[in-house]
Amino acid sequence: MAGVLRLEEHIPQLAGILAKPDDTLAGEASTALIAFQSDEVVKAVAPYLAKDDSFVYALSVLEYIKTEASAQVLMNAYNQTDNLANQDMIFEAIAHHYSKDSALVMKKHLENEYQSGMVELEPVAYGYFKILGLHHRDLSFWKQVALENEMEFREGSQTPIVVEEKVGRNDPCICGSGKKNKKCCGK
């Protein structure tokens, strides 16, 4: 088939776009790379995880490629960085792989006293440990935090939106008197 574009031949070029200043293009490249779900993509994207200008896009690709190689690259990146905000984000990406091999990294991170605030660690940790059936002394606390977050979200999403109609001076008064607003309540 002449003229058919085979994207898998362009994985290195797609990975290189992650470091470009064009967020729209980097987002599209991330989506395309995730669709491959291959270790070839993991290998091409891994170097971009160590660069500030491509970290977030590379992390999102590796978070959503569900292979052992991807989980391993994420654990290596976690161990190689001293940036606490990046560690929090890598922690979340590792958790979403649900690999028992990453349990030690997960426990190590949860022992840190500092949190960057980039990630709500408790719900992430609860999901990881609960889904894998792993015990942790803080499991019930994490569950409580996750439930509280869910309740706050639900309560916030049920707040009614009130749209106030603007009444003009010559419109009928909103009290129902039949008079113009300017000669009744709108004085």
C-alpha atoms as a PDB file:
ATOM      1  CA  MET A   1       0.000   0.000   0.000  1.00  0.00           C
ATOM      2  CA  ALA A   2       1.843   2.996  -1.271  1.00  0.00           C
ATOM      3  CA  GLY A   3       1.238   6.234   0.585  1.00  0.00           C
ATOM      4  CA  VAL A   4       0.031   4.684   3.845  1.00  0.00           C
ATOM      5  CA  LEU A   5       1.683   6.341   6.829  1.00  0.00           C
ATOM      6  CA  ARG A   6       2.967   3.846   9.356  1.00  0.00           C
ATOM      7  CA  LEU A   7       3.194   5.824  12.597  1.00  0.00           C
ATOM      8  CA  GLU A   8       5.163   3.177  14.477  1.00  0.00           C
ATOM      9  CA  GLU A   9       8.080   3.974  12.155  1.00  0.00           C
ATOM     10  CA  HIS A  10       8.001   7.517  13.531  1.00  0.00           C
ATOM     11  CA  ILE A  11       7.990   6.779  17.276  1.00  0.00           C
ATOM     12  CA  PRO A  12      11.362   8.522  17.885  1.00  0.00           C
ATOM     13  CA  GLN A  13      10.164  11.654  16.063  1.00  0.00           C
ATOM     14  CA  LEU A  14       6.881  11.635  17.983  1.00  0.00           C
ATOM     15  CA  ALA A  15       8.805  11.281  21.253  1.00  0.00           C
ATOM     16  CA  GLY A  16      10.987  14.245  20.262  1.00  0.00           C
ATOM     17  CA  ILE A  17       7.896  16.432  19.957  1.00  0.00           C
ATOM     18  CA  LEU A  18       7.362  16.055  23.730  1.00  0.00           C
ATOM     19  CA  ALA A  19      10.209  18.539  24.262  1.00  0.00           C
ATOM     20  CA  LYS A  20       8.826  21.147  21.854  1.00  0.00           C
ATOM     21  CA  PRO A  21       7.331  24.380  23.226  1.00  0.00           C
ATOM     22  CA  ASP A  22       4.030  23.767  21.384  1.00  0.00           C
ATOM     23  CA  ASP A  23       1.698  22.306  24.043  1.00  0.00           C
ATOM     24  CA  THR A  24      -0.979  21.364  21.519  1.00  0.00           C
ATOM     25  CA  LEU A  25       1.457  19.432  19.374  1.00  0.00           C
ATOM     26  CA  ALA A  26       3.062  17.764  22.423  1.00  0.00           C
ATOM     27  CA  GLY A  27      -0.393  16.758  23.660  1.00  0.00           C
ATOM     28  CA  GLU A  28      -1.242  15.196  20.299  1.00  0.00           C
ATOM     29  CA  ALA A  29       2.108  13.365  20.224  1.00  0.00           C
ATOM     30  CA  SER A  30       1.437  12.039  23.746  1.00  0.00           C
ATOM     31  CA  THR A  31      -1.947  10.693  22.691  1.00  0.00           C
ATOM     32  CA  ALA A  32      -0.457   8.986  19.637  1.00  0.00           C
ATOM     33  CA  LEU A  33       2.396   7.453  21.646  1.00  0.00           C
ATOM     34  CA  ILE A  34       0.048   6.113  24.340  1.00  0.00           C
ATOM     35  CA  ALA A  35      -2.044   4.395  21.671  1.00  0.00           C
ATOM     36  CA  PHE A  36       0.886   2.146  20.708  1.00  0.00           C
ATOM     37  CA  GLN A  37       1.110   0.546  24.199  1.00  0.00           C
ATOM     38  CA  SER A  38       4.589  -0.743  23.403  1.00  0.00           C
ATOM     39  CA  ASP A  39       7.997  -1.001  24.999  1.00  0.00           C
ATOM     40  CA  GLU A  40       9.400   0.666  21.874  1.00  0.00           C
ATOM     41  CA  VAL A  41       7.552   3.817  22.932  1.00  0.00           C
ATOM     42  CA  VAL A  42       8.778   3.422  26.521  1.00  0.00           C
ATOM     43  CA  LYS A  43      12.371   3.251  25.259  1.00  0.00           C
ATOM     44  CA  ALA A  44      11.897   6.338  23.062  1.00  0.00           C
ATOM     45  CA  VAL A  45      10.137   8.402  25.750  1.00  0.00           C
ATOM     46  CA  ALA A  46      12.286   7.479  28.791  1.00  0.00           C
ATOM     47  CA  PRO A  47      15.049  10.066  28.132  1.00  0.00           C
ATOM     48  CA  TYR A  48      12.463  12.862  28.046  1.00  0.00           C
ATOM     49  CA  LEU A  49      11.429  12.058  31.611  1.00  0.00           C
ATOM     50  CA  ALA A  50      14.743  13.517  32.824  1.00  0.00           C
ATOM     51  CA  LYS A  51      14.244  16.871  31.072  1.00  0.00           C
ATOM     52  CA  ASP A  52      12.299  19.727  32.651  1.00  0.00           C
ATOM     53  CA  ASP A  53      10.700  20.880  29.390  1.00  0.00           C
ATOM     54  CA  SER A  54       9.292  17.441  28.565  1.00  0.00           C
ATOM     55  CA  PHE A  55       8.835  15.845  32.001  1.00  0.00           C
ATOM     56  CA  VAL A  56       5.048  16.207  32.252  1.00  0.00           C
ATOM     57  CA  TYR A  57       4.329  14.874  28.769  1.00  0.00           C
ATOM     58  CA  ALA A  58       6.800  11.999  29.087  1.00  0.00           C
ATOM     59  CA  LEU A  59       5.324  11.130  32.488  1.00  0.00           C
ATOM     60  CA  SER A  60       1.793  11.046  31.113  1.00  0.00           C
ATOM     61  CA  VAL A  61       2.855   8.733  28.288  1.00  0.00           C
ATOM     62  CA  LEU A  62       4.649   6.350  30.648  1.00  0.00           C
ATOM     63  CA  GLU A  63       1.792   6.441  33.153  1.00  0.00           C
ATOM     64  CA  TYR A  64      -0.678   5.212  30.546  1.00  0.00           C
ATOM     65  CA  ILE A  65       1.506   2.624  28.825  1.00  0.00           C
ATOM     66  CA  LYS A  66       0.765  -0.433  30.917  1.00  0.00           C
ATOM     67  CA  THR A  67       3.874  -2.543  30.472  1.00  0.00           C
ATOM     68  CA  GLU A  68       6.469  -3.815  32.938  1.00  0.00           C
ATOM     69  CA  ALA A  69       9.134  -1.775  31.147  1.00  0.00           C
ATOM     70  CA  SER A  70       7.122   1.422  31.669  1.00  0.00           C
ATOM     71  CA  ALA A  71       6.660   0.719  35.375  1.00  0.00           C
ATOM     72  CA  GLN A  72      10.400   0.024  35.698  1.00  0.00           C
ATOM     73  CA  VAL A  73      11.352   3.269  33.938  1.00  0.00           C
ATOM     74  CA  LEU A  74       9.059   5.172  36.302  1.00  0.00           C
ATOM     75  CA  MET A  75      10.582   3.514  39.386  1.00  0.00           C
ATOM     76  CA  ASN A  76      14.092   4.305  38.116  1.00  0.00           C
ATOM     77  CA  ALA A  77      13.116   7.924  37.473  1.00  0.00           C
ATOM     78  CA  TYR A  78      11.670   8.177  40.977  1.00  0.00           C
ATOM     79  CA  ASN A  79      14.915   6.927  42.490  1.00  0.00           C
ATOM     80  CA  GLN A  80      17.056   9.248  40.355  1.00  0.00           C
ATOM     81  CA  THR A  81      15.316  12.546  41.101  1.00  0.00           C
ATOM     82  CA  ASP A  82      15.607  14.742  44.160  1.00  0.00           C
ATOM     83  CA  ASN A  83      12.806  17.044  42.998  1.00  0.00           C
ATOM     84  CA  LEU A  84      10.011  16.367  45.495  1.00  0.00           C
ATOM     85  CA  ALA A  85       7.218  17.655  43.263  1.00  0.00           C
ATOM     86  CA  ASN A  86       8.405  15.357  40.477  1.00  0.00           C
ATOM     87  CA  GLN A  87       8.600  12.481  42.965  1.00  0.00           C
ATOM     88  CA  ASP A  88       4.955  13.089  43.926  1.00  0.00           C
ATOM     89  CA  MET A  89       3.868  13.015  40.294  1.00  0.00           C
ATOM     90  CA  ILE A  90       5.965   9.918  39.535  1.00  0.00           C
ATOM     91  CA  PHE A  91       4.475   8.281  42.656  1.00  0.00           C
ATOM     92  CA  GLU A  92       1.007   8.760  41.189  1.00  0.00           C
ATOM     93  CA  ALA A  93       2.066   7.392  37.790  1.00  0.00           C
ATOM     94  CA  ILE A  94       3.649   4.338  39.438  1.00  0.00           C
ATOM     95  CA  ALA A  95       0.499   3.753  41.487  1.00  0.00           C
ATOM     96  CA  HIS A  96      -1.611   3.678  38.326  1.00  0.00           C
ATOM     97  CA  HIS A  97       0.405   0.728  37.053  1.00  0.00           C
ATOM     98  CA  TYR A  98      -0.832  -1.401  39.992  1.00  0.00           C
ATOM     99  CA  SER A  99       2.347  -3.466  40.047  1.00  0.00           C
ATOM    100  CA  LYS A 100       3.293  -5.288  43.241  1.00  0.00           C
ATOM    101  CA  ASP A 101       6.927  -4.803  42.189  1.00  0.00           C
ATOM    102  CA  SER A 102       6.575  -1.093  42.975  1.00  0.00           C
ATOM    103  CA  ALA A 103       5.301  -1.570  46.553  1.00  0.00           C
ATOM    104  CA  LEU A 104       8.671  -0.682  48.098  1.00  0.00           C
ATOM    105  CA  VAL A 105       8.883   2.585  46.158  1.00  0.00           C
ATOM    106  CA  MET A 106       5.303   3.371  47.166  1.00  0.00           C
ATOM    107  CA  LYS A 107       5.975   2.734  50.863  1.00  0.00           C
ATOM    108  CA  LYS A 108       9.222   4.730  50.745  1.00  0.00           C
ATOM    109  CA  HIS A 109       7.447   7.746  49.273  1.00  0.00           C
ATOM    110  CA  LEU A 110       4.635   7.618  51.804  1.00  0.00           C
ATOM    111  CA  GLU A 111       7.207   7.845  54.616  1.00  0.00           C
ATOM    112  CA  ASN A 112       8.371  11.267  53.384  1.00  0.00           C
ATOM    113  CA  GLU A 113       7.387  14.087  55.688  1.00  0.00           C
ATOM    114  CA  TYR A 114       7.239  16.603  52.851  1.00  0.00           C
ATOM    115  CA  GLN A 115       4.522  16.660  50.230  1.00  0.00           C
ATOM    116  CA  SER A 116       4.561  19.054  47.308  1.00  0.00           C
ATOM    117  CA  GLY A 117       0.786  19.381  47.076  1.00  0.00           C
ATOM    118  CA  MET A 118       0.947  18.390  43.396  1.00  0.00           C
ATOM    119  CA  VAL A 119      -0.834  15.116  44.128  1.00  0.00           C
ATOM    120  CA  GLU A 120      -3.312  14.059  46.792  1.00  0.00           C
ATOM    121  CA  LEU A 121      -1.303  11.106  48.019  1.00  0.00           C
ATOM    122  CA  GLU A 122      -3.892   9.505  50.304  1.00  0.00           C
ATOM    123  CA  PRO A 123      -6.528   8.602  47.680  1.00  0.00           C
ATOM    124  CA  VAL A 124      -3.800   7.405  45.298  1.00  0.00           C
ATOM    125  CA  ALA A 125      -2.204   5.267  47.998  1.00  0.00           C
ATOM    126  CA  TYR A 126      -5.588   3.901  49.093  1.00  0.00           C
ATOM    127  CA  GLY A 127      -6.453   2.832  45.543  1.00  0.00           C
ATOM    128  CA  TYR A 128      -3.063   1.229  44.982  1.00  0.00           C
ATOM    129  CA  PHE A 129      -2.934  -0.768  48.222  1.00  0.00           C
ATOM    130  CA  LYS A 130      -6.624  -1.705  48.221  1.00  0.00           C
ATOM    131  CA  ILE A 131      -6.741  -2.884  44.608  1.00  0.00           C
ATOM    132  CA  LEU A 132      -3.595  -4.977  45.049  1.00  0.00           C
ATOM    133  CA  GLY A 133      -4.817  -6.364  48.384  1.00  0.00           C
ATOM    134  CA  LEU A 134      -1.716  -5.086  50.205  1.00  0.00           C
ATOM    135  CA  HIS A 135      -1.814  -4.161  53.882  1.00  0.00           C
ATOM    136  CA  HIS A 136      -0.641  -0.803  55.181  1.00  0.00           C
ATOM    137  CA  ARG A 137      -1.173   0.650  58.635  1.00  0.00           C
ATOM    138  CA  ASP A 138      -2.664   3.866  57.159  1.00  0.00           C
ATOM    139  CA  LEU A 139      -5.174   2.181  54.834  1.00  0.00           C
ATOM    140  CA  SER A 140      -8.249   3.179  56.871  1.00  0.00           C
ATOM    141  CA  PHE A 141      -7.003   6.791  57.146  1.00  0.00           C
ATOM    142  CA  TRP A 142      -6.452   6.971  53.375  1.00  0.00           C
ATOM    143  CA  LYS A 143      -9.922   5.573  52.813  1.00  0.00           C
ATOM    144  CA  GLN A 144     -11.402   8.280  55.040  1.00  0.00           C
ATOM    145  CA  VAL A 145      -9.545  11.028  53.155  1.00  0.00           C
ATOM    146  CA  ALA A 146     -10.695   9.583  49.813  1.00  0.00           C
ATOM    147  CA  LEU A 147     -14.318   9.472  51.026  1.00  0.00           C
ATOM    148  CA  GLU A 148     -14.135  13.038  52.332  1.00  0.00           C
ATOM    149  CA  ASN A 149     -12.732  14.222  48.999  1.00  0.00           C
ATOM    150  CA  GLU A 150     -15.550  12.437  47.172  1.00  0.00           C
ATOM    151  CA  MET A 151     -18.173  14.054  49.435  1.00  0.00           C
ATOM    152  CA  GLU A 152     -16.660  17.517  48.909  1.00  0.00           C
ATOM    153  CA  PHE A 153     -16.700  16.948  45.161  1.00  0.00           C
ATOM    154  CA  ARG A 154     -20.313  15.767  45.181  1.00  0.00           C
ATOM    155  CA  GLU A 155     -21.481  18.648  47.373  1.00  0.00           C
ATOM    156  CA  GLY A 156     -19.627  21.146  45.214  1.00  0.00           C
ATOM    157  CA  SER A 157     -21.097  19.741  42.022  1.00  0.00           C
ATOM    158  CA  GLN A 158     -24.654  20.011  43.366  1.00  0.00           C
ATOM    159  CA  THR A 159     -24.491  23.724  44.084  1.00  0.00           C
ATOM    160  CA  PRO A 160     -27.267  25.275  42.003  1.00  0.00           C
ATOM    161  CA  ILE A 161     -26.319  27.869  39.461  1.00  0.00           C
ATOM    162  CA  VAL A 162     -28.501  30.947  39.730  1.00  0.00           C
ATOM    163  CA  VAL A 163     -28.881  33.098  36.652  1.00  0.00           C
ATOM    164  CA  GLU A 164     -30.318  36.459  37.535  1.00  0.00           C
ATOM    165  CA  GLU A 165     -32.353  38.177  34.873  1.00  0.00           C
ATOM    166  CA  LYS A 166     -31.631  41.836  34.486  1.00  0.00           C
ATOM    167  CA  VAL A 167     -34.808  43.885  34.584  1.00  0.00           C
ATOM    168  CA  GLY A 168     -34.821  46.971  32.389  1.00  0.00           C
ATOM    169  CA  ARG A 169     -36.337  50.265  33.551  1.00  0.00           C
ATOM    170  CA  ASN A 170     -39.227  49.974  31.077  1.00  0.00           C
ATOM    171  CA  ASP A 171     -39.884  46.249  31.694  1.00  0.00           C
ATOM    172  CA  PRO A 172     -42.858  45.163  33.793  1.00  0.00           C
ATOM    173  CA  CYS A 173     -42.003  45.108  37.489  1.00  0.00           C
ATOM    174  CA  ILE A 174     -41.010  41.702  38.890  1.00  0.00           C
ATOM    175  CA  CYS A 175     -43.450  42.111  41.800  1.00  0.00           C
ATOM    176  CA  GLY A 176     -46.365  41.553  39.407  1.00  0.00           C
ATOM    177  CA  SER A 177     -48.064  44.953  39.912  1.00  0.00           C
ATOM    178  CA  GLY A 178     -48.330  45.546  36.176  1.00  0.00           C
ATOM    179  CA  LYS A 179     -46.491  48.856  36.461  1.00  0.00           C
ATOM    180  CA  LYS A 180     -43.185  49.572  34.745  1.00  0.00           C
ATOM    181  CA  ASN A 181     -40.165  48.712  36.861  1.00  0.00           C
ATOM    182  CA  LYS A 182     -38.996  52.365  36.926  1.00  0.00           C
ATOM    183  CA  LYS A 183     -42.308  53.449  38.544  1.00  0.00           C
ATOM    184  CA  CYS A 184     -42.562  50.582  41.029  1.00  0.00           C
ATOM    185  CA  CYS A 185     -39.837  48.531  42.750  1.00  0.00           C
ATOM    186  CA  GLY A 186     -37.004  49.780  40.521  1.00  0.00           C
ATOM    187  CA  LYS A 187     -37.199  53.386  41.762  1.00  0.00           C
END
